[in-house]
Structures are given as C-alpha cells and as structure tokens.
Amino acid sequence: MKPVIEIENLSFDYHDGTKAIQQIDLKVFKNETIALIGPNGAGKTTLFLTINGILKPLSGSIKVFD
C-alpha cells in the first residue's frame, strides 16, 4: 500500500537562521489517524506549511497522493 503523504529528509530554515525542522521522515497511509504534538516552537506549524506548499523546504521531498 502506498502512503497518501510521504516526506523524506525534509528540512526548513527561516530567513533569520532559525532551524525549524531538520531531516523529517514521515509516511501517512489511507485511513490512518496521527497526532503531531510537541512544545511551542518545535516546528509543527512549519511542517504543515511545507506540506501545503506555503513554505518551500530547504531540502527533502514531499509527496501528497503521489
């Protein structure tokens, strides 16, 4: 079964040099429920903004529905 979301080696740095996410790997499959939790500033929102295409990652790849 292929994942509906596949993230490989994703990294993103903000313009001020803040490292928001580093080398994230994630696979989400159809009918799977996940929770993304962590403290403020952990990169949760940045991850979703890169998945939605609002932010361009520094490196890595994102595939949504292949």
Protein backbone atom coordinates (compact mmCIF):
# COMPACT_ATOMS: atom_id res chain seq x y z
CA MET A 1 0.00 0.00 0.00
CA LYS A 2 1.34 3.43 -0.98
CA PRO A 3 1.27 6.27 1.54
CA VAL A 4 -1.03 9.25 0.92
CA ILE A 5 1.63 11.55 2.38
CA GLU A 6 5.32 10.73 2.11
CA ILE A 7 8.02 13.04 3.45
CA GLU A 8 11.71 12.26 3.11
CA ASN A 9 14.63 14.12 4.67
CA LEU A 10 12.68 17.40 4.94
CA SER A 11 14.46 20.45 6.38
CA PHE A 12 13.48 24.10 6.65
CA ASP A 13 15.32 27.16 8.00
CA TYR A 14 13.77 30.60 8.42
CA HIS A 15 15.49 33.68 6.94
CA ASP A 16 16.84 34.68 10.35
CA GLY A 17 18.72 31.36 10.57
CA THR A 18 16.26 29.60 12.89
CA LYS A 19 16.27 25.88 12.14
CA ALA A 20 12.59 24.97 12.24
CA ILE A 21 12.65 21.34 11.05
CA GLN A 22 15.57 19.06 10.30
CA GLN A 23 15.60 15.80 8.34
CA ILE A 24 11.96 14.80 8.91
CA ASP A 25 10.77 11.45 7.54
CA LEU A 26 7.06 10.61 7.70
CA LYS A 27 4.63 8.30 5.93
CA VAL A 28 0.87 8.52 6.43
CA PHE A 29 -1.35 5.81 4.97
CA LYS A 30 -5.03 5.89 3.99
CA ASN A 31 -7.42 5.59 6.98
CA GLU A 32 -4.56 6.16 9.41
CA THR A 33 -5.01 8.64 12.25
CA ILE A 34 -1.97 10.51 13.51
CA ALA A 35 -1.29 13.28 16.01
CA LEU A 36 1.55 15.76 15.74
CA ILE A 37 2.38 17.01 19.22
CA GLY A 38 5.22 18.97 20.74
CA PRO A 39 6.08 22.17 22.58
CA ASN A 40 5.79 25.68 21.14
CA GLY A 41 8.50 26.28 18.58
CA ALA A 42 9.00 22.59 17.77
CA GLY A 43 8.13 23.05 14.07
CA LYS A 44 4.59 21.63 13.90
CA THR A 45 3.11 24.56 12.00
CA THR A 46 6.17 24.85 9.76
CA LEU A 47 5.80 21.18 8.82
CA PHE A 48 2.17 21.68 7.80
CA LEU A 49 3.00 24.88 5.90
CA THR A 50 5.59 22.96 3.85
CA ILE A 51 3.15 20.11 3.19
CA ASN A 52 0.57 22.66 1.96
CA GLY A 53 3.17 24.31 -0.29
CA ILE A 54 3.07 27.66 1.50
CA LEU A 55 6.73 27.35 2.53
CA LYS A 56 9.42 25.86 0.28
CA PRO A 57 11.65 23.38 2.12
CA LEU A 58 15.41 23.84 2.22
CA SER A 59 15.86 20.17 1.29
CA GLY A 60 13.95 16.93 1.04
CA SER A 61 10.78 15.88 -0.73
CA ILE A 62 7.04 15.87 -0.06
CA LYS A 63 4.59 13.71 -1.96
CA VAL A 64 0.84 14.02 -1.38
CA PHE A 65 -1.25 11.41 -3.19
CA ASP A 66 1.88 10.52 -5.19
